[in-house]
Every structure is written in structure tokens, then in C-alpha cells.
Amino acid sequence: MIGGVAYNQVPDSDNRIHSDELAREYGFSGALVPGVTVSAYLMQPAIEQWGIDWLNHGHAHVVVTSPLYDEAEFEVHSEWNGDSYSAELNSDGKKNANAIVSLKVDAVPADTARRGDPVMPDHYLGPQASYETMLSLQDRGCMAKAFLWSADHEMARYFRSQADMPALLRTDDAVSSGGFANMSFILGCANRHFAAVASMNPWVHLETRSQNFEAVPLGTQLISEMRILELFSRKGHEFADCQFNLFRADNGRCVCAIEQRAIYSLRPPGGRA
């Protein structure tokens, strides 16, 4: 079991669901911890158990079932079965998320080859998110987005103190065996790419399936390519299922494949389900 105090790295994010004010307007108790950070908590036992092997070959399916709030105390309980485990994150007496995590040492599949999508320029402002906008992006494709893994990145830590993270992931006093990108950053690239192709505020991350193919050292430039798989509505919310492949910019190798489900347009406050 691991535990700690939840940490919202992005209280000033453009997605104001991570702020107290807007989160409360939508009926939450306070600022939501990013779903990718919740995922990192659920995946930490894998890194403690398998180390670099999991960063090179790890697979995870994470579902966020209820909000985890900034500064809330939480526990992660895991049940192991050989090269996999199931895990549940609980806070304030209820389940917030669950995961199935495993080692999958498979060849990189052909559908993770880089397409060469044009990369969006810095400070790109996407069109307002709507069903019509997202459908157009599904039909014509999305621009790629560039990222840099660095010690200065706001997702370089998913606890307030990096002392609570495995040494392999720490950038505060990184040695030759440390400083690799954590899963809050890796999955966060997909999050940020999704939020960049269209202007959406607020939106909510719900679920990911991810497969690692290569650990990401400090200073690595990455390119994310994205496509929208499915759009649907449920209880007044608008959902998008998307696929992301994250590549090293220098050699084009895929480091992680991600499928993500998110609500890009929440039902208005006070709206009926």
C-alpha cells in the first residue's frame, strides 16, 4: 500500500476545473487533482516493483470514478498476480479510481509509426470546442504537438515533495539512474494535446489505456500525434475518445501509446442529467 496527500500541480491551468472557484460552480467540493496525477499514484507500485522495465514495457488501464481533491489524504491498495496487479485509490472513505497494471514486453505495433502530422505553432489557439468542431477534427485530422521533458516542467513531480517519488523519477537531485519522465507527465502530454486542438473550459479526464515502449530521459523532445476515435453524449455531457502516440523527436521512435476518454463539454451547472 502507498499513501499520501493529493497534489494539484496546475491550479493556474487554463482548465479551470483545477481551480476552487470553477470546480465549486460545477458542484465539486474544490479543485480537482488532474486525472493523470491520480494515474501516477496508481502506477507507482509498478515502478517500485519493476523499475526501468516498467517504464520500457508497462501497460495500464486507469478509470477515474470520482474526484480526488487537492490536499486530500489518499491510499492506494494493490492486489498482485504475477506480472500484473489491480489497484484502487481511496480517499475520504470512497473509491476515486481503479487500475489494472502489468508488464507487456511486446514489439512496437505498426500503427504507432509516425504519420508526420504538422506540428502546431507555439501559442496556437484552437477553435471553440463543440460537437461540430470535434467532428471536423475527427474527419480532417489534428495537428501534432511538441513537448519537452525537463526538471522545470510543472508535472515533474506528482507529490509536493519528490522524496515521496521513486528515485528513478526524481529530478530534484537526479543521478545517472534517475530523472526519467513520470506517468503524470507522459499521460499529461495527451491531456495537453487534447486541450490544445480546441478551446475547452472546463473539461474532465476520465480514463486511459497506456502502453510504454521506451523510458524518457531528461531533456528529451517529444512529438504527440492524435486522432479522435469516437464522439458521444451522455447525461448532458459531451465525450471524446482519442488516441495519442508519443514519439521522440530526434529518432521518431514511439515511447508511449495512449487511448484517452474525456468530457470536453460538461453539462452546465444546474443542468438536468
C-alpha atoms as a PDB file:
ATOM      1  CA  MET A   1       0.000   0.000   0.000  1.00  0.00           C
ATOM      2  CA  ILE A   2       1.111   3.548  -0.694  1.00  0.00           C
ATOM      3  CA  GLY A   3      -0.480   6.718   0.553  1.00  0.00           C
ATOM      4  CA  GLY A   4      -0.023  10.424   0.733  1.00  0.00           C
ATOM      5  CA  VAL A   5      -1.584  13.818   0.276  1.00  0.00           C
ATOM      6  CA  ALA A   6      -3.020  14.591  -3.165  1.00  0.00           C
ATOM      7  CA  TYR A   7      -1.267  17.324  -5.106  1.00  0.00           C
ATOM      8  CA  ASN A   8      -2.807  19.568  -7.751  1.00  0.00           C
ATOM      9  CA  GLN A   9       0.203  20.705  -9.828  1.00  0.00           C
ATOM     10  CA  VAL A  10      -1.827  23.015 -12.060  1.00  0.00           C
ATOM     11  CA  PRO A  11      -4.085  25.350 -10.024  1.00  0.00           C
ATOM     12  CA  ASP A  12      -3.491  28.032 -12.666  1.00  0.00           C
ATOM     13  CA  SER A  13      -4.272  25.764 -15.633  1.00  0.00           C
ATOM     14  CA  ASP A  14      -6.410  27.062 -18.492  1.00  0.00           C
ATOM     15  CA  ASN A  15      -8.722  24.223 -17.493  1.00  0.00           C
ATOM     16  CA  ARG A  16     -10.328  25.933 -14.507  1.00  0.00           C
ATOM     17  CA  ILE A  17     -11.744  22.665 -13.161  1.00  0.00           C
ATOM     18  CA  HIS A  18      -8.389  22.625 -11.322  1.00  0.00           C
ATOM     19  CA  SER A  19      -9.348  25.849  -9.532  1.00  0.00           C
ATOM     20  CA  ASP A  20     -11.556  26.019  -6.453  1.00  0.00           C
ATOM     21  CA  GLU A  21     -13.876  28.645  -7.918  1.00  0.00           C
ATOM     22  CA  LEU A  22     -14.998  26.946 -11.120  1.00  0.00           C
ATOM     23  CA  ALA A  23     -14.915  23.429  -9.657  1.00  0.00           C
ATOM     24  CA  ARG A  24     -17.365  24.531  -6.965  1.00  0.00           C
ATOM     25  CA  GLU A  25     -19.555  26.204  -9.572  1.00  0.00           C
ATOM     26  CA  TYR A  26     -19.933  22.780 -11.193  1.00  0.00           C
ATOM     27  CA  GLY A  27     -20.833  21.125  -7.898  1.00  0.00           C
ATOM     28  CA  PHE A  28     -17.450  19.816  -6.752  1.00  0.00           C
ATOM     29  CA  SER A  29     -16.036  20.455  -3.279  1.00  0.00           C
ATOM     30  CA  GLY A  30     -12.892  22.138  -4.590  1.00  0.00           C
ATOM     31  CA  ALA A  31     -10.096  21.969  -7.143  1.00  0.00           C
ATOM     32  CA  LEU A  32      -9.736  18.586  -8.848  1.00  0.00           C
ATOM     33  CA  VAL A  33      -6.359  16.848  -8.907  1.00  0.00           C
ATOM     34  CA  PRO A  34      -5.535  16.037 -12.567  1.00  0.00           C
ATOM     35  CA  GLY A  35      -6.620  12.585 -13.690  1.00  0.00           C
ATOM     36  CA  VAL A  36      -3.089  11.907 -14.940  1.00  0.00           C
ATOM     37  CA  THR A  37      -1.778  12.574 -11.436  1.00  0.00           C
ATOM     38  CA  VAL A  38      -4.304  10.140  -9.987  1.00  0.00           C
ATOM     39  CA  SER A  39      -2.975   7.669 -12.576  1.00  0.00           C
ATOM     40  CA  ALA A  40       0.609   8.249 -11.427  1.00  0.00           C
ATOM     41  CA  TYR A  41      -0.363   7.320  -7.867  1.00  0.00           C
ATOM     42  CA  LEU A  42      -1.902   4.070  -9.111  1.00  0.00           C
ATOM     43  CA  MET A  43       1.184   3.260 -11.215  1.00  0.00           C
ATOM     44  CA  GLN A  44       3.791   3.996  -8.554  1.00  0.00           C
ATOM     45  CA  PRO A  45       3.726   0.395  -7.201  1.00  0.00           C
ATOM     46  CA  ALA A  46       4.711  -0.780 -10.714  1.00  0.00           C
ATOM     47  CA  ILE A  47       7.813   1.419 -10.747  1.00  0.00           C
ATOM     48  CA  GLU A  48       8.732   0.395  -7.217  1.00  0.00           C
ATOM     49  CA  GLN A  49       8.417  -3.270  -8.236  1.00  0.00           C
ATOM     50  CA  TRP A  50       9.746  -3.340 -11.823  1.00  0.00           C
ATOM     51  CA  GLY A  51      11.769  -0.128 -12.126  1.00  0.00           C
ATOM     52  CA  ILE A  52      13.067   0.744 -15.591  1.00  0.00           C
ATOM     53  CA  ASP A  53      11.456  -2.389 -17.061  1.00  0.00           C
ATOM     54  CA  TRP A  54       8.024  -0.901 -16.455  1.00  0.00           C
ATOM     55  CA  LEU A  55       8.982   2.447 -17.990  1.00  0.00           C
ATOM     56  CA  ASN A  56      10.083   0.467 -21.067  1.00  0.00           C
ATOM     57  CA  HIS A  57       7.238  -2.066 -21.205  1.00  0.00           C
ATOM     58  CA  GLY A  58       4.478  -1.145 -18.765  1.00  0.00           C
ATOM     59  CA  HIS A  59       0.774  -1.229 -19.588  1.00  0.00           C
ATOM     60  CA  ALA A  60      -2.024   0.350 -17.544  1.00  0.00           C
ATOM     61  CA  HIS A  61      -5.764   0.856 -17.737  1.00  0.00           C
ATOM     62  CA  VAL A  62      -6.948   3.543 -15.316  1.00  0.00           C
ATOM     63  CA  VAL A  63     -10.514   4.683 -14.696  1.00  0.00           C
ATOM     64  CA  VAL A  64     -11.245   7.758 -12.566  1.00  0.00           C
ATOM     65  CA  THR A  65     -14.614   7.200 -10.878  1.00  0.00           C
ATOM     66  CA  SER A  66     -14.907  10.245  -8.603  1.00  0.00           C
ATOM     67  CA  PRO A  67     -12.903  13.437  -7.980  1.00  0.00           C
ATOM     68  CA  LEU A  68      -9.738  13.448  -5.894  1.00  0.00           C
ATOM     69  CA  TYR A  69      -9.371  16.845  -4.286  1.00  0.00           C
ATOM     70  CA  ASP A  70      -6.230  18.859  -3.707  1.00  0.00           C
ATOM     71  CA  GLU A  71      -4.648  18.142  -0.290  1.00  0.00           C
ATOM     72  CA  ALA A  72      -6.919  15.157   0.376  1.00  0.00           C
ATOM     73  CA  GLU A  73      -5.305  12.179   2.085  1.00  0.00           C
ATOM     74  CA  PHE A  74      -5.464   9.020  -0.027  1.00  0.00           C
ATOM     75  CA  GLU A  75      -4.375   5.381  -0.057  1.00  0.00           C
ATOM     76  CA  VAL A  76      -3.612   3.023  -2.948  1.00  0.00           C
ATOM     77  CA  HIS A  77      -4.327  -0.654  -2.297  1.00  0.00           C
ATOM     78  CA  SER A  78      -2.973  -3.219  -4.762  1.00  0.00           C
ATOM     79  CA  GLU A  79      -3.549  -6.934  -5.296  1.00  0.00           C
ATOM     80  CA  TRP A  80      -0.760  -8.701  -7.178  1.00  0.00           C
ATOM     81  CA  ASN A  81      -0.937 -11.623  -9.587  1.00  0.00           C
ATOM     82  CA  GLY A  82       2.467 -12.380 -11.122  1.00  0.00           C
ATOM     83  CA  ASP A  83       3.364  -9.684 -13.661  1.00  0.00           C
ATOM     84  CA  SER A  84       0.215  -7.640 -13.036  1.00  0.00           C
ATOM     85  CA  TYR A  85      -1.816  -6.094 -10.263  1.00  0.00           C
ATOM     86  CA  SER A  86      -5.146  -4.442  -9.725  1.00  0.00           C
ATOM     87  CA  ALA A  87      -5.220  -1.248  -7.687  1.00  0.00           C
ATOM     88  CA  GLU A  88      -7.763   1.045  -6.111  1.00  0.00           C
ATOM     89  CA  LEU A  89      -7.283   4.600  -4.883  1.00  0.00           C
ATOM     90  CA  ASN A  90      -9.454   5.661  -1.973  1.00  0.00           C
ATOM     91  CA  SER A  91      -9.934   8.991  -0.225  1.00  0.00           C
ATOM     92  CA  ASP A  92     -12.392  10.123   2.432  1.00  0.00           C
ATOM     93  CA  GLY A  93     -13.928   6.661   2.632  1.00  0.00           C
ATOM     94  CA  LYS A  94     -14.750   6.246  -1.065  1.00  0.00           C
ATOM     95  CA  LYS A  95     -13.157   4.940  -4.247  1.00  0.00           C
ATOM     96  CA  ASN A  96     -11.751   7.599  -6.566  1.00  0.00           C
ATOM     97  CA  ALA A  97     -10.080   5.429  -9.221  1.00  0.00           C
ATOM     98  CA  ASN A  98      -9.058   1.897 -10.128  1.00  0.00           C
ATOM     99  CA  ALA A  99      -6.433   0.393 -12.404  1.00  0.00           C
ATOM    100  CA  ILE A 100      -5.075  -2.791 -13.937  1.00  0.00           C
ATOM    101  CA  VAL A 101      -1.285  -2.507 -14.349  1.00  0.00           C
ATOM    102  CA  SER A 102       1.071  -5.023 -15.943  1.00  0.00           C
ATOM    103  CA  LEU A 103       4.287  -5.705 -17.828  1.00  0.00           C
ATOM    104  CA  LYS A 104       3.767  -6.330 -21.555  1.00  0.00           C
ATOM    105  CA  VAL A 105       7.006  -6.969 -23.410  1.00  0.00           C
ATOM    106  CA  ASP A 106       5.683  -6.743 -26.970  1.00  0.00           C
ATOM    107  CA  ALA A 107       7.114  -5.349 -30.176  1.00  0.00           C
ATOM    108  CA  VAL A 108       6.072  -1.803 -31.048  1.00  0.00           C
ATOM    109  CA  PRO A 109       2.992  -2.243 -33.303  1.00  0.00           C
ATOM    110  CA  ALA A 110       2.924  -0.868 -36.835  1.00  0.00           C
ATOM    111  CA  ASP A 111       0.065   1.531 -36.054  1.00  0.00           C
ATOM    112  CA  THR A 112       2.413   3.527 -33.824  1.00  0.00           C
ATOM    113  CA  ALA A 113       4.555   4.673 -36.764  1.00  0.00           C
ATOM    114  CA  ARG A 114       4.772   8.444 -37.037  1.00  0.00           C
ATOM    115  CA  ARG A 115       2.492   9.941 -39.705  1.00  0.00           C
ATOM    116  CA  GLY A 116       4.296  13.267 -39.937  1.00  0.00           C
ATOM    117  CA  ASP A 117       1.326  15.437 -38.954  1.00  0.00           C
ATOM    118  CA  PRO A 118       2.218  19.160 -38.987  1.00  0.00           C
ATOM    119  CA  VAL A 119       3.141  20.445 -35.520  1.00  0.00           C
ATOM    120  CA  MET A 120       1.002  23.246 -34.118  1.00  0.00           C
ATOM    121  CA  PRO A 121       2.881  26.518 -33.570  1.00  0.00           C
ATOM    122  CA  ASP A 122       3.600  27.926 -30.119  1.00  0.00           C
ATOM    123  CA  HIS A 123       0.634  29.753 -28.571  1.00  0.00           C
ATOM    124  CA  TYR A 124      -1.764  28.098 -31.024  1.00  0.00           C
ATOM    125  CA  LEU A 125      -5.392  28.883 -30.148  1.00  0.00           C
ATOM    126  CA  GLY A 126      -7.808  26.215 -31.268  1.00  0.00           C
ATOM    127  CA  PRO A 127     -11.441  26.816 -32.247  1.00  0.00           C
ATOM    128  CA  GLN A 128     -14.135  26.690 -29.580  1.00  0.00           C
ATOM    129  CA  ALA A 129     -14.920  23.099 -28.661  1.00  0.00           C
ATOM    130  CA  SER A 130     -18.321  21.885 -29.850  1.00  0.00           C
ATOM    131  CA  TYR A 131     -19.642  18.705 -31.375  1.00  0.00           C
ATOM    132  CA  GLU A 132     -19.274  20.264 -34.843  1.00  0.00           C
ATOM    133  CA  THR A 133     -15.673  21.308 -34.116  1.00  0.00           C
ATOM    134  CA  MET A 134     -14.708  17.905 -32.760  1.00  0.00           C
ATOM    135  CA  LEU A 135     -16.410  16.124 -35.654  1.00  0.00           C
ATOM    136  CA  SER A 136     -14.446  18.272 -38.105  1.00  0.00           C
ATOM    137  CA  LEU A 137     -11.207  17.399 -36.296  1.00  0.00           C
ATOM    138  CA  GLN A 138     -12.153  13.733 -36.393  1.00  0.00           C
ATOM    139  CA  ASP A 139     -12.723  13.926 -40.151  1.00  0.00           C
ATOM    140  CA  ARG A 140      -9.750  16.032 -41.248  1.00  0.00           C
ATOM    141  CA  GLY A 141      -7.245  15.152 -38.515  1.00  0.00           C
ATOM    142  CA  CYS A 142      -5.455  17.057 -35.775  1.00  0.00           C
ATOM    143  CA  MET A 143      -2.142  18.861 -35.726  1.00  0.00           C
ATOM    144  CA  ALA A 144       0.669  17.298 -33.707  1.00  0.00           C
ATOM    145  CA  LYS A 145       2.056  18.950 -30.569  1.00  0.00           C
ATOM    146  CA  ALA A 146       5.622  19.233 -29.235  1.00  0.00           C
ATOM    147  CA  PHE A 147       6.739  18.738 -25.622  1.00  0.00           C
ATOM    148  CA  LEU A 148       9.999  18.857 -23.677  1.00  0.00           C
ATOM    149  CA  TRP A 149      10.631  16.642 -20.647  1.00  0.00           C
ATOM    150  CA  SER A 150      12.597  18.773 -18.205  1.00  0.00           C
ATOM    151  CA  ALA A 151      13.158  19.186 -14.474  1.00  0.00           C
ATOM    152  CA  ASP A 152      11.413  22.564 -14.716  1.00  0.00           C
ATOM    153  CA  HIS A 153       8.167  21.135 -16.057  1.00  0.00           C
ATOM    154  CA  GLU A 154       5.206  21.592 -13.693  1.00  0.00           C
ATOM    155  CA  MET A 155       4.450  17.867 -13.983  1.00  0.00           C
ATOM    156  CA  ALA A 156       7.989  16.886 -12.924  1.00  0.00           C
ATOM    157  CA  ARG A 157       6.521  15.944  -9.556  1.00  0.00           C
ATOM    158  CA  TYR A 158       3.171  14.406  -8.653  1.00  0.00           C
ATOM    159  CA  PHE A 159       3.709  14.705  -4.916  1.00  0.00           C
ATOM    160  CA  ARG A 160       4.552  18.042  -3.317  1.00  0.00           C
ATOM    161  CA  SER A 161       7.898  16.539  -2.332  1.00  0.00           C
ATOM    162  CA  GLN A 162       9.834  14.438  -4.831  1.00  0.00           C
ATOM    163  CA  ALA A 163      11.140  12.495  -1.832  1.00  0.00           C
ATOM    164  CA  ASP A 164       7.819  10.614  -2.000  1.00  0.00           C
ATOM    165  CA  MET A 165       8.514   9.512  -5.585  1.00  0.00           C
ATOM    166  CA  PRO A 166      10.747   6.604  -6.700  1.00  0.00           C
ATOM    167  CA  ALA A 167      14.393   7.642  -7.237  1.00  0.00           C
ATOM    168  CA  LEU A 168      14.088   6.612 -10.881  1.00  0.00           C
ATOM    169  CA  LEU A 169      11.659   9.501 -11.451  1.00  0.00           C
ATOM    170  CA  ARG A 170      13.205  12.208  -9.303  1.00  0.00           C
ATOM    171  CA  THR A 171      14.648  15.295 -10.992  1.00  0.00           C
ATOM    172  CA  ASP A 172      15.482  17.313  -7.874  1.00  0.00           C
ATOM    173  CA  ASP A 173      18.825  15.549  -7.381  1.00  0.00           C
ATOM    174  CA  ALA A 174      18.862  13.335 -10.449  1.00  0.00           C
ATOM    175  CA  VAL A 175      21.719  10.861 -10.773  1.00  0.00           C
ATOM    176  CA  SER A 176      22.646   8.696 -13.743  1.00  0.00           C
ATOM    177  CA  SER A 177      19.851   6.237 -12.898  1.00  0.00           C
ATOM    178  CA  GLY A 178      17.164   8.870 -12.283  1.00  0.00           C
ATOM    179  CA  GLY A 179      15.317  11.716 -13.937  1.00  0.00           C
ATOM    180  CA  PHE A 180      13.063   9.641 -16.209  1.00  0.00           C
ATOM    181  CA  ALA A 181       9.663  11.040 -17.140  1.00  0.00           C
ATOM    182  CA  ASN A 182       6.892  10.067 -14.743  1.00  0.00           C
ATOM    183  CA  MET A 183       3.466   8.968 -15.925  1.00  0.00           C
ATOM    184  CA  SER A 184       1.785  12.184 -14.798  1.00  0.00           C
ATOM    185  CA  PHE A 185       3.925  13.963 -17.405  1.00  0.00           C
ATOM    186  CA  ILE A 186       3.627  11.242 -20.077  1.00  0.00           C
ATOM    187  CA  LEU A 187      -0.155  10.969 -19.851  1.00  0.00           C
ATOM    188  CA  GLY A 188      -0.273  14.731 -19.370  1.00  0.00           C
ATOM    189  CA  CYS A 189       1.147  15.184 -22.884  1.00  0.00           C
ATOM    190  CA  ALA A 190      -2.007  13.526 -24.222  1.00  0.00           C
ATOM    191  CA  ASN A 191      -4.111  15.725 -21.924  1.00  0.00           C
ATOM    192  CA  ARG A 192      -2.444  18.930 -23.095  1.00  0.00           C
ATOM    193  CA  HIS A 193      -2.600  17.902 -26.738  1.00  0.00           C
ATOM    194  CA  PHE A 194      -6.328  17.194 -26.416  1.00  0.00           C
ATOM    195  CA  ALA A 195      -6.938  20.579 -24.766  1.00  0.00           C
ATOM    196  CA  ALA A 196      -4.882  22.388 -27.437  1.00  0.00           C
ATOM    197  CA  VAL A 197      -6.737  21.236 -30.562  1.00  0.00           C
ATOM    198  CA  ALA A 198      -9.929  23.001 -29.406  1.00  0.00           C
ATOM    199  CA  SER A 199     -10.652  25.581 -26.746  1.00  0.00           C
ATOM    200  CA  MET A 200     -12.464  23.861 -23.851  1.00  0.00           C
ATOM    201  CA  ASN A 201     -13.002  25.028 -20.274  1.00  0.00           C
ATOM    202  CA  PRO A 202     -13.761  23.179 -18.136  1.00  0.00           C
ATOM    203  CA  TRP A 203     -13.136  19.613 -19.237  1.00  0.00           C
ATOM    204  CA  VAL A 204     -12.523  16.370 -17.307  1.00  0.00           C
ATOM    205  CA  HIS A 205     -10.142  13.454 -17.850  1.00  0.00           C
ATOM    206  CA  LEU A 206     -11.845  10.101 -17.157  1.00  0.00           C
ATOM    207  CA  GLU A 207      -9.917   7.086 -18.427  1.00  0.00           C
ATOM    208  CA  THR A 208      -6.678   5.988 -20.100  1.00  0.00           C
ATOM    209  CA  ARG A 209      -5.127   2.867 -21.550  1.00  0.00           C
ATOM    210  CA  SER A 210      -1.386   3.298 -21.998  1.00  0.00           C
ATOM    211  CA  GLN A 211       1.476   1.141 -23.258  1.00  0.00           C
ATOM    212  CA  ASN A 212       5.061   2.201 -22.655  1.00  0.00           C
ATOM    213  CA  PHE A 213       7.754   1.310 -25.176  1.00  0.00           C
ATOM    214  CA  GLU A 214      10.745   3.364 -24.006  1.00  0.00           C
ATOM    215  CA  ALA A 215      11.715   5.314 -20.873  1.00  0.00           C
ATOM    216  CA  VAL A 216      12.105   9.067 -21.464  1.00  0.00           C
ATOM    217  CA  PRO A 217      15.323  10.673 -20.099  1.00  0.00           C
ATOM    218  CA  LEU A 218      15.649  14.308 -19.043  1.00  0.00           C
ATOM    219  CA  GLY A 219      15.980  16.749 -21.921  1.00  0.00           C
ATOM    220  CA  THR A 220      14.038  14.599 -24.415  1.00  0.00           C
ATOM    221  CA  GLN A 221      11.972  16.422 -27.036  1.00  0.00           C
ATOM    222  CA  LEU A 222       8.705  14.639 -27.809  1.00  0.00           C
ATOM    223  CA  ILE A 223       6.051  14.888 -30.518  1.00  0.00           C
ATOM    224  CA  SER A 224       2.471  13.765 -29.890  1.00  0.00           C
ATOM    225  CA  GLU A 225       0.205  12.709 -32.766  1.00  0.00           C
ATOM    226  CA  MET A 226      -3.515  12.454 -32.109  1.00  0.00           C
ATOM    227  CA  ARG A 227      -6.709  11.249 -33.685  1.00  0.00           C
ATOM    228  CA  ILE A 228     -10.289  11.331 -32.452  1.00  0.00           C
ATOM    229  CA  LEU A 229     -11.826   7.858 -32.414  1.00  0.00           C
ATOM    230  CA  GLU A 230     -15.392   8.472 -31.248  1.00  0.00           C
ATOM    231  CA  LEU A 231     -17.689  11.265 -30.082  1.00  0.00           C
ATOM    232  CA  PHE A 232     -20.822  10.713 -27.995  1.00  0.00           C
ATOM    233  CA  SER A 233     -23.176  12.333 -25.481  1.00  0.00           C
ATOM    234  CA  ARG A 234     -24.280  11.036 -22.097  1.00  0.00           C
ATOM    235  CA  LYS A 235     -26.344  12.729 -19.367  1.00  0.00           C
ATOM    236  CA  GLY A 236     -25.796  16.139 -20.910  1.00  0.00           C
ATOM    237  CA  HIS A 237     -22.024  15.771 -21.151  1.00  0.00           C
ATOM    238  CA  GLU A 238     -20.076  15.592 -24.442  1.00  0.00           C
ATOM    239  CA  PHE A 239     -17.399  12.879 -24.580  1.00  0.00           C
ATOM    240  CA  ALA A 240     -14.431  12.181 -26.843  1.00  0.00           C
ATOM    241  CA  ASP A 241     -12.378   9.003 -27.149  1.00  0.00           C
ATOM    242  CA  CYS A 242      -8.953   9.791 -28.593  1.00  0.00           C
ATOM    243  CA  GLN A 243      -5.719   8.006 -29.463  1.00  0.00           C
ATOM    244  CA  PHE A 244      -2.259   9.512 -28.980  1.00  0.00           C
ATOM    245  CA  ASN A 245       1.168   8.251 -29.984  1.00  0.00           C
ATOM    246  CA  LEU A 246       4.108   9.954 -28.293  1.00  0.00           C
ATOM    247  CA  PHE A 247       7.395   9.952 -30.237  1.00  0.00           C
ATOM    248  CA  ARG A 248      10.971  11.001 -29.626  1.00  0.00           C
ATOM    249  CA  ALA A 249      11.578  13.999 -31.872  1.00  0.00           C
ATOM    250  CA  ASP A 250      15.190  13.006 -32.635  1.00  0.00           C
ATOM    251  CA  ASN A 251      14.662   9.485 -33.985  1.00  0.00           C
ATOM    252  CA  GLY A 252      10.883   9.042 -34.380  1.00  0.00           C
ATOM    253  CA  ARG A 253      10.622   6.094 -32.001  1.00  0.00           C
ATOM    254  CA  CYS A 254       7.307   5.705 -30.191  1.00  0.00           C
ATOM    255  CA  VAL A 255       7.763   5.918 -26.415  1.00  0.00           C
ATOM    256  CA  CYS A 256       4.103   5.513 -25.400  1.00  0.00           C
ATOM    257  CA  ALA A 257       0.715   4.782 -26.988  1.00  0.00           C
ATOM    258  CA  ILE A 258      -2.302   6.197 -25.161  1.00  0.00           C
ATOM    259  CA  GLU A 259      -6.061   5.918 -25.532  1.00  0.00           C
ATOM    260  CA  GLN A 260      -7.992   8.503 -23.526  1.00  0.00           C
ATOM    261  CA  ARG A 261     -11.622   9.233 -22.691  1.00  0.00           C
ATOM    262  CA  ALA A 262     -12.599  12.734 -21.575  1.00  0.00           C
ATOM    263  CA  ILE A 263     -15.594  15.028 -21.261  1.00  0.00           C
ATOM    264  CA  TYR A 264     -14.810  18.032 -23.442  1.00  0.00           C
ATOM    265  CA  SER A 265     -18.060  19.851 -22.610  1.00  0.00           C
ATOM    266  CA  LEU A 266     -19.688  19.457 -19.196  1.00  0.00           C
ATOM    267  CA  ARG A 267     -23.383  19.813 -18.622  1.00  0.00           C
ATOM    268  CA  PRO A 268     -23.996  23.420 -17.479  1.00  0.00           C
ATOM    269  CA  PRO A 269     -24.153  23.947 -13.709  1.00  0.00           C
ATOM    270  CA  GLY A 270     -27.683  23.200 -12.523  1.00  0.00           C
ATOM    271  CA  GLY A 271     -28.496  21.336 -15.736  1.00  0.00           C
ATOM    272  CA  ARG A 272     -30.538  18.138 -15.551  1.00  0.00           C
ATOM    273  CA  ALA A 273     -28.993  14.739 -16.263  1.00  0.00           C
END
